[in-house]
PDB file of N, CA and C in Angstrom:
ATOM      1  N   MET A   1     244.806 153.874 130.527  1.00  0.00           N
ATOM      2  CA  MET A   1     243.848 153.560 129.519  1.00  0.00           C
ATOM      3  C   MET A   1     244.276 154.150 128.176  1.00  0.00           C
ATOM      4  N   SER A   2     244.175 153.371 127.151  1.00  0.00           N
ATOM      5  CA  SER A   2     244.537 153.842 125.815  1.00  0.00           C
ATOM      6  C   SER A   2     243.472 154.784 125.289  1.00  0.00           C
ATOM      7  N   GLU A   3     243.945 155.807 124.619  1.00  0.00           N
ATOM      8  CA  GLU A   3     243.039 156.778 124.026  1.00  0.00           C
ATOM      9  C   GLU A   3     242.768 156.376 122.576  1.00  0.00           C
ATOM     10  N   VAL A   4     241.508 156.349 122.174  1.00  0.00           N
ATOM     11  CA  VAL A   4     241.135 155.996 120.812  1.00  0.00           C
ATOM     12  C   VAL A   4     241.161 157.276 119.978  1.00  0.00           C
ATOM     13  N   MET A   5     241.889 157.210 118.846  1.00  0.00           N
ATOM     14  CA  MET A   5     241.988 158.382 117.983  1.00  0.00           C
ATOM     15  C   MET A   5     240.997 158.277 116.834  1.00  0.00           C
ATOM     16  N   ASP A   6     240.444 159.383 116.485  1.00  0.00           N
ATOM     17  CA  ASP A   6     239.510 159.482 115.372  1.00  0.00           C
ATOM     18  C   ASP A   6     240.274 159.280 114.062  1.00  0.00           C
ATOM     19  N   PRO A   7     239.851 158.329 113.216  1.00  0.00           N
ATOM     20  CA  PRO A   7     240.542 158.098 111.944  1.00  0.00           C
ATOM     21  C   PRO A   7     240.612 159.355 111.078  1.00  0.00           C
ATOM     22  N   TYR A   8     239.610 160.210 111.147  1.00  0.00           N
ATOM     23  CA  TYR A   8     239.608 161.453 110.380  1.00  0.00           C
ATOM     24  C   TYR A   8     240.773 162.349 110.805  1.00  0.00           C
ATOM     25  N   VAL A   9     241.029 162.411 112.103  1.00  0.00           N
ATOM     26  CA  VAL A   9     242.130 163.216 112.623  1.00  0.00           C
ATOM     27  C   VAL A   9     243.463 162.641 112.139  1.00  0.00           C
ATOM     28  N   ILE A  10     243.570 161.331 112.142  1.00  0.00           N
ATOM     29  CA  ILE A  10     244.798 160.683 111.666  1.00  0.00           C
ATOM     30  C   ILE A  10     245.018 160.989 110.189  1.00  0.00           C
ATOM     31  N   LEU A  11     243.970 160.891 109.385  1.00  0.00           N
ATOM     32  CA  LEU A  11     244.084 161.196 107.954  1.00  0.00           C
ATOM     33  C   LEU A  11     244.463 162.652 107.718  1.00  0.00           C
ATOM     34  N   GLN A  12     243.913 163.556 108.491  1.00  0.00           N
ATOM     35  CA  GLN A  12     244.271 164.963 108.363  1.00  0.00           C
ATOM     36  C   GLN A  12     245.750 165.172 108.664  1.00  0.00           C
ATOM     37  N   ARG A  13     246.232 164.512 109.695  1.00  0.00           N
ATOM     38  CA  ARG A  13     247.643 164.654 110.075  1.00  0.00           C
ATOM     39  C   ARG A  13     248.545 164.079 108.985  1.00  0.00           C
ATOM     40  N   ILE A  14     248.168 162.948 108.404  1.00  0.00           N
ATOM     41  CA  ILE A  14     248.944 162.349 107.318  1.00  0.00           C
ATOM     42  C   ILE A  14     248.998 163.291 106.127  1.00  0.00           C
ATOM     43  N   GLU A  15     247.859 163.893 105.782  1.00  0.00           N
ATOM     44  CA  GLU A  15     247.825 164.842 104.670  1.00  0.00           C
ATOM     45  C   GLU A  15     248.723 166.048 104.952  1.00  0.00           C
ATOM     46  N   GLN A  16     248.716 166.526 106.180  1.00  0.00           N
ATOM     47  CA  GLN A  16     249.568 167.649 106.559  1.00  0.00           C
ATOM     48  C   GLN A  16     251.043 167.257 106.440  1.00  0.00           C
ATOM     49  N   MET A  17     251.378 166.052 106.875  1.00  0.00           N
ATOM     50  CA  MET A  17     252.761 165.578 106.792  1.00  0.00           C
ATOM     51  C   MET A  17     253.200 165.458 105.329  1.00  0.00           C
ATOM     52  N   GLU A  18     252.307 164.965 104.467  1.00  0.00           N
ATOM     53  CA  GLU A  18     252.623 164.854 103.049  1.00  0.00           C
ATOM     54  C   GLU A  18     252.879 166.233 102.447  1.00  0.00           C
ATOM     55  N   LYS A  19     252.072 167.205 102.833  1.00  0.00           N
ATOM     56  CA  LYS A  19     252.252 168.571 102.339  1.00  0.00           C
ATOM     57  C   LYS A  19     253.603 169.125 102.803  1.00  0.00           C
ATOM     58  N   GLU A  20     253.936 168.895 104.059  1.00  0.00           N
ATOM     59  CA  GLU A  20     255.217 169.367 104.595  1.00  0.00           C
ATOM     60  C   GLU A  20     256.383 168.701 103.876  1.00  0.00           C
ATOM     61  N   LEU A  21     256.277 167.399 103.591  1.00  0.00           N
ATOM     62  CA  LEU A  21     257.330 166.702 102.860  1.00  0.00           C
ATOM     63  C   LEU A  21     257.487 167.266 101.454  1.00  0.00           C
ATOM     64  N   GLU A  22     256.392 167.571 100.811  1.00  0.00           N
ATOM     65  CA  GLU A  22     256.440 168.141  99.457  1.00  0.00           C
ATOM     66  C   GLU A  22     257.139 169.501  99.485  1.00  0.00           C
ATOM     67  N   GLU A  23     256.824 170.313 100.493  1.00  0.00           N
ATOM     68  CA  GLU A  23     257.478 171.613 100.624  1.00  0.00           C
ATOM     69  C   GLU A  23     258.974 171.445 100.881  1.00  0.00           C
ATOM     70  N   LEU A  24     259.341 170.463 101.697  1.00  0.00           N
ATOM     71  CA  LEU A  24     260.754 170.199 101.952  1.00  0.00           C
ATOM     72  C   LEU A  24     261.463 169.713 100.691  1.00  0.00           C
ATOM     73  N   LYS A  25     260.785 168.896  99.904  1.00  0.00           N
ATOM     74  CA  LYS A  25     261.364 168.416  98.642  1.00  0.00           C
ATOM     75  C   LYS A  25     261.659 169.589  97.726  1.00  0.00           C
ATOM     76  N   ILE A  26     260.726 170.518  97.622  1.00  0.00           N
ATOM     77  CA  ILE A  26     260.932 171.696  96.785  1.00  0.00           C
ATOM     78  C   ILE A  26     262.106 172.521  97.305  1.00  0.00           C
ATOM     79  N   THR A  27     262.194 172.666  98.611  1.00  0.00           N
ATOM     80  CA  THR A  27     263.303 173.411  99.209  1.00  0.00           C
ATOM     81  C   THR A  27     264.640 172.748  98.888  1.00  0.00           C
ATOM     82  N   VAL A  28     264.701 171.426  99.005  1.00  0.00           N
ATOM     83  CA  VAL A  28     265.941 170.697  98.706  1.00  0.00           C
ATOM     84  C   VAL A  28     266.308 170.859  97.239  1.00  0.00           C
ATOM     85  N   LEU A  29     265.337 170.756  96.346  1.00  0.00           N
ATOM     86  CA  LEU A  29     265.614 170.930  94.918  1.00  0.00           C
ATOM     87  C   LEU A  29     266.144 172.332  94.635  1.00  0.00           C
ATOM     88  N   LYS A  30     265.575 173.336  95.276  1.00  0.00           N
ATOM     89  CA  LYS A  30     266.063 174.706  95.102  1.00  0.00           C
ATOM     90  C   LYS A  30     267.492 174.835  95.613  1.00  0.00           C
ATOM     91  N   MET A  31     267.772 174.214  96.774  1.00  0.00           N
ATOM     92  CA  MET A  31     269.126 174.267  97.339  1.00  0.00           C
ATOM     93  C   MET A  31     270.130 173.609  96.400  1.00  0.00           C
ATOM     94  N   VAL A  32     269.761 172.474  95.830  1.00  0.00           N
ATOM     95  CA  VAL A  32     270.639 171.772  94.892  1.00  0.00           C
ATOM     96  C   VAL A  32     270.898 172.665  93.684  1.00  0.00           C
ATOM     97  N   ALA A  33     269.850 173.266  93.148  1.00  0.00           N
ATOM     98  CA  ALA A  33     270.000 174.129  91.977  1.00  0.00           C
ATOM     99  C   ALA A  33     270.868 175.338  92.297  1.00  0.00           C
ATOM    100  N   GLU A  34     270.696 175.911  93.477  1.00  0.00           N
ATOM    101  CA  GLU A  34     271.483 177.078  93.862  1.00  0.00           C
ATOM    102  C   GLU A  34     272.952 176.736  94.063  1.00  0.00           C
ATOM    103  N   ASN A  35     273.254 175.491  94.406  1.00  0.00           N
ATOM    104  CA  ASN A  35     274.632 175.099  94.668  1.00  0.00           C
ATOM    105  C   ASN A  35     275.365 174.572  93.441  1.00  0.00           C
ATOM    106  N   LEU A  36     274.672 174.452  92.318  1.00  0.00           N
ATOM    107  CA  LEU A  36     275.344 174.021  91.098  1.00  0.00           C
ATOM    108  C   LEU A  36     276.231 175.148  90.600  1.00  0.00           C
ATOM    109  N   PRO A  37     277.404 174.803  90.094  1.00  0.00           N
ATOM    110  CA  PRO A  37     278.250 175.851  89.502  1.00  0.00           C
ATOM    111  C   PRO A  37     277.501 176.527  88.348  1.00  0.00           C
ATOM    112  N   GLU A  38     277.736 177.808  88.164  1.00  0.00           N
ATOM    113  CA  GLU A  38     276.999 178.562  87.160  1.00  0.00           C
ATOM    114  C   GLU A  38     277.123 177.975  85.767  1.00  0.00           C
ATOM    115  N   GLU A  39     278.295 177.470  85.421  1.00  0.00           N
ATOM    116  CA  GLU A  39     278.469 176.954  84.071  1.00  0.00           C
ATOM    117  C   GLU A  39     277.614 175.709  83.809  1.00  0.00           C
ATOM    118  N   GLU A  40     277.126 175.040  84.872  1.00  0.00           N
ATOM    119  CA  GLU A  40     276.279 173.862  84.703  1.00  0.00           C
ATOM    120  C   GLU A  40     274.790 174.203  84.634  1.00  0.00           C
ATOM    121  N   VAL A  41     274.434 175.409  85.018  1.00  0.00           N
ATOM    122  CA  VAL A  41     273.029 175.794  85.043  1.00  0.00           C
ATOM    123  C   VAL A  41     272.759 176.723  83.862  1.00  0.00           C
ATOM    124  N   ASP A  42     272.276 176.144  82.798  1.00  0.00           N
ATOM    125  CA  ASP A  42     271.922 176.965  81.645  1.00  0.00           C
ATOM    126  C   ASP A  42     270.434 177.286  81.672  1.00  0.00           C
ATOM    127  N   GLU A  43     270.002 178.104  80.765  1.00  0.00           N
ATOM    128  CA  GLU A  43     268.603 178.538  80.717  1.00  0.00           C
ATOM    129  C   GLU A  43     267.646 177.359  80.558  1.00  0.00           C
ATOM    130  N   GLU A  44     268.025 176.386  79.750  1.00  0.00           N
ATOM    131  CA  GLU A  44     267.173 175.218  79.522  1.00  0.00           C
ATOM    132  C   GLU A  44     266.987 174.406  80.810  1.00  0.00           C
ATOM    133  N   THR A  45     268.067 174.249  81.566  1.00  0.00           N
ATOM    134  CA  THR A  45     268.005 173.512  82.833  1.00  0.00           C
ATOM    135  C   THR A  45     267.102 174.241  83.829  1.00  0.00           C
ATOM    136  N   LEU A  46     267.240 175.555  83.906  1.00  0.00           N
ATOM    137  CA  LEU A  46     266.403 176.332  84.822  1.00  0.00           C
ATOM    138  C   LEU A  46     264.925 176.231  84.450  1.00  0.00           C
ATOM    139  N   LYS A  47     264.624 176.309  83.160  1.00  0.00           N
ATOM    140  CA  LYS A  47     263.230 176.194  82.721  1.00  0.00           C
ATOM    141  C   LYS A  47     262.670 174.812  83.051  1.00  0.00           C
ATOM    142  N   ALA A  48     263.485 173.765  82.860  1.00  0.00           N
ATOM    143  CA  ALA A  48     263.045 172.406  83.173  1.00  0.00           C
ATOM    144  C   ALA A  48     262.788 172.258  84.675  1.00  0.00           C
ATOM    145  N   LEU A  49     263.655 172.837  85.492  1.00  0.00           N
ATOM    146  CA  LEU A  49     263.473 172.780  86.949  1.00  0.00           C
ATOM    147  C   LEU A  49     262.196 173.509  87.360  1.00  0.00           C
ATOM    148  N   GLU A  50     261.971 174.690  86.789  1.00  0.00           N
ATOM    149  CA  GLU A  50     260.762 175.437  87.114  1.00  0.00           C
ATOM    150  C   GLU A  50     259.509 174.656  86.719  1.00  0.00           C
ATOM    151  N   LYS A  51     259.541 174.014  85.548  1.00  0.00           N
ATOM    152  CA  LYS A  51     258.406 173.210  85.106  1.00  0.00           C
ATOM    153  C   LYS A  51     258.169 172.038  86.069  1.00  0.00           C
ATOM    154  N   ASP A  52     259.262 171.363  86.458  1.00  0.00           N
ATOM    155  CA  ASP A  52     259.149 170.245  87.397  1.00  0.00           C
ATOM    156  C   ASP A  52     258.554 170.705  88.725  1.00  0.00           C
ATOM    157  N   LEU A  53     258.993 171.865  89.210  1.00  0.00           N
ATOM    158  CA  LEU A  53     258.468 172.378  90.476  1.00  0.00           C
ATOM    159  C   LEU A  53     256.974 172.696  90.355  1.00  0.00           C
ATOM    160  N   ARG A  54     256.577 173.313  89.254  1.00  0.00           N
ATOM    161  CA  ARG A  54     255.152 173.606  89.041  1.00  0.00           C
ATOM    162  C   ARG A  54     254.339 172.312  88.996  1.00  0.00           C
ATOM    163  N   ASP A  55     254.866 171.308  88.263  1.00  0.00           N
ATOM    164  CA  ASP A  55     254.171 170.021  88.164  1.00  0.00           C
ATOM    165  C   ASP A  55     254.004 169.381  89.538  1.00  0.00           C
ATOM    166  N   MET A  56     255.042 169.463  90.367  1.00  0.00           N
ATOM    167  CA  MET A  56     254.965 168.878  91.712  1.00  0.00           C
ATOM    168  C   MET A  56     253.938 169.609  92.566  1.00  0.00           C
ATOM    169  N   MET A  57     253.972 170.935  92.521  1.00  0.00           N
ATOM    170  CA  MET A  57     253.054 171.707  93.354  1.00  0.00           C
ATOM    171  C   MET A  57     251.603 171.512  92.916  1.00  0.00           C
ATOM    172  N   GLU A  58     251.400 171.249  91.645  1.00  0.00           N
ATOM    173  CA  GLU A  58     250.046 171.054  91.127  1.00  0.00           C
ATOM    174  C   GLU A  58     249.627 169.586  91.153  1.00  0.00           C
ATOM    175  N   GLY A  59     250.489 168.708  91.663  1.00  0.00           N
ATOM    176  CA  GLY A  59     250.139 167.302  91.837  1.00  0.00           C
ATOM    177  C   GLY A  59     250.127 166.483  90.564  1.00  0.00           C
ATOM    178  N   ARG A  60     250.823 166.941  89.535  1.00  0.00           N
ATOM    179  CA  ARG A  60     250.841 166.206  88.264  1.00  0.00           C
ATOM    180  C   ARG A  60     251.922 165.135  88.215  1.00  0.00           C
ATOM    181  N   VAL A  61     252.777 165.068  89.219  1.00  0.00           N
ATOM    182  CA  VAL A  61     253.827 164.050  89.268  1.00  0.00           C
ATOM    183  C   VAL A  61     253.789 163.349  90.618  1.00  0.00           C
ATOM    184  N   LYS A  62     254.377 162.164  90.654  1.00  0.00           N
ATOM    185  CA  LYS A  62     254.439 161.382  91.890  1.00  0.00           C
ATOM    186  C   LYS A  62     255.290 162.133  92.916  1.00  0.00           C
ATOM    187  N   THR A  63     254.834 162.111  94.159  1.00  0.00           N
ATOM    188  CA  THR A  63     255.600 162.749  95.224  1.00  0.00           C
ATOM    189  C   THR A  63     256.482 161.724  95.917  1.00  0.00           C
ATOM    190  N   LEU A  64     257.411 162.195  96.707  1.00  0.00           N
ATOM    191  CA  LEU A  64     258.306 161.323  97.462  1.00  0.00           C
ATOM    192  C   LEU A  64     257.635 160.829  98.728  1.00  0.00           C
ATOM    193  N   SER A  65     257.943 159.598  99.078  1.00  0.00           N
ATOM    194  CA  SER A  65     257.530 159.111 100.389  1.00  0.00           C
ATOM    195  C   SER A  65     258.528 159.654 101.411  1.00  0.00           C
ATOM    196  N   GLY A  66     258.219 159.506 102.660  1.00  0.00           N
ATOM    197  CA  GLY A  66     259.142 159.947 103.704  1.00  0.00           C
ATOM    198  C   GLY A  66     260.482 159.256 103.596  1.00  0.00           C
ATOM    199  N   ASP A  67     260.481 157.948 103.331  1.00  0.00           N
ATOM    200  CA  ASP A  67     261.730 157.192 103.198  1.00  0.00           C
ATOM    201  C   ASP A  67     262.540 157.676 101.999  1.00  0.00           C
ATOM    202  N   GLU A  68     261.858 157.946 100.877  1.00  0.00           N
ATOM    203  CA  GLU A  68     262.554 158.435  99.689  1.00  0.00           C
ATOM    204  C   GLU A  68     263.171 159.807  99.949  1.00  0.00           C
ATOM    205  N   PHE A  69     262.456 160.663 100.675  1.00  0.00           N
ATOM    206  CA  PHE A  69     262.976 161.979 100.994  1.00  0.00           C
ATOM    207  C   PHE A  69     264.217 161.873 101.877  1.00  0.00           C
ATOM    208  N   ILE A  70     264.157 161.018 102.880  1.00  0.00           N
ATOM    209  CA  ILE A  70     265.302 160.837 103.773  1.00  0.00           C
ATOM    210  C   ILE A  70     266.508 160.330 102.991  1.00  0.00           C
ATOM    211  N   GLU A  71     266.289 159.385 102.077  1.00  0.00           N
ATOM    212  CA  GLU A  71     267.368 158.855 101.253  1.00  0.00           C
ATOM    213  C   GLU A  71     267.981 159.955 100.376  1.00  0.00           C
ATOM    214  N   LEU A  72     267.145 160.759  99.741  1.00  0.00           N
ATOM    215  CA  LEU A  72     267.620 161.852  98.900  1.00  0.00           C
ATOM    216  C   LEU A  72     268.414 162.857  99.723  1.00  0.00           C
ATOM    217  N   LEU A  73     267.885 163.234 100.861  1.00  0.00           N
ATOM    218  CA  LEU A  73     268.562 164.196 101.719  1.00  0.00           C
ATOM    219  C   LEU A  73     269.890 163.643 102.214  1.00  0.00           C
ATOM    220  N   SER A  74     269.929 162.364 102.547  1.00  0.00           N
ATOM    221  CA  SER A  74     271.180 161.738 103.015  1.00  0.00           C
ATOM    222  C   SER A  74     272.233 161.767 101.923  1.00  0.00           C
ATOM    223  N   LYS A  75     271.837 161.488 100.687  1.00  0.00           N
ATOM    224  CA  LYS A  75     272.784 161.516  99.570  1.00  0.00           C
ATOM    225  C   LYS A  75     273.321 162.920  99.354  1.00  0.00           C
ATOM    226  N   GLU A  76     272.449 163.917  99.448  1.00  0.00           N
ATOM    227  CA  GLU A  76     272.851 165.300  99.193  1.00  0.00           C
ATOM    228  C   GLU A  76     273.767 165.834 100.292  1.00  0.00           C
ATOM    229  N   THR A  77     273.573 165.359 101.507  1.00  0.00           N
ATOM    230  CA  THR A  77     274.403 165.858 102.625  1.00  0.00           C
ATOM    231  C   THR A  77     275.637 165.000 102.842  1.00  0.00           C
ATOM    232  N   GLY A  78     275.711 163.874 102.125  1.00  0.00           N
ATOM    233  CA  GLY A  78     276.886 163.015 102.230  1.00  0.00           C
ATOM    234  C   GLY A  78     276.890 162.106 103.436  1.00  0.00           C
ATOM    235  N   ASP A  79     275.769 161.916 104.076  1.00  0.00           N
ATOM    236  CA  ASP A  79     275.676 161.022 105.256  1.00  0.00           C
ATOM    237  C   ASP A  79     275.502 159.589 104.850  1.00  0.00           C
TER     238      ASP A  79
END
């Protein structure tokens, strides 16, 4: 017999997944920034990255979908 799931529970899980994806996006951005050669990371670039991260955490910018995150991660890892 199929089990019927409460739509509220499904929405909660989706929200949790979105939060986890956002945290992973921030982690990937930090990893990218940490791996840039020092001569490419100037003070202005760091300030812009910090502002972008704050904007993302505060929900002022569009977040990545799961597919977009996978695509970004694949490009960064060379897969």
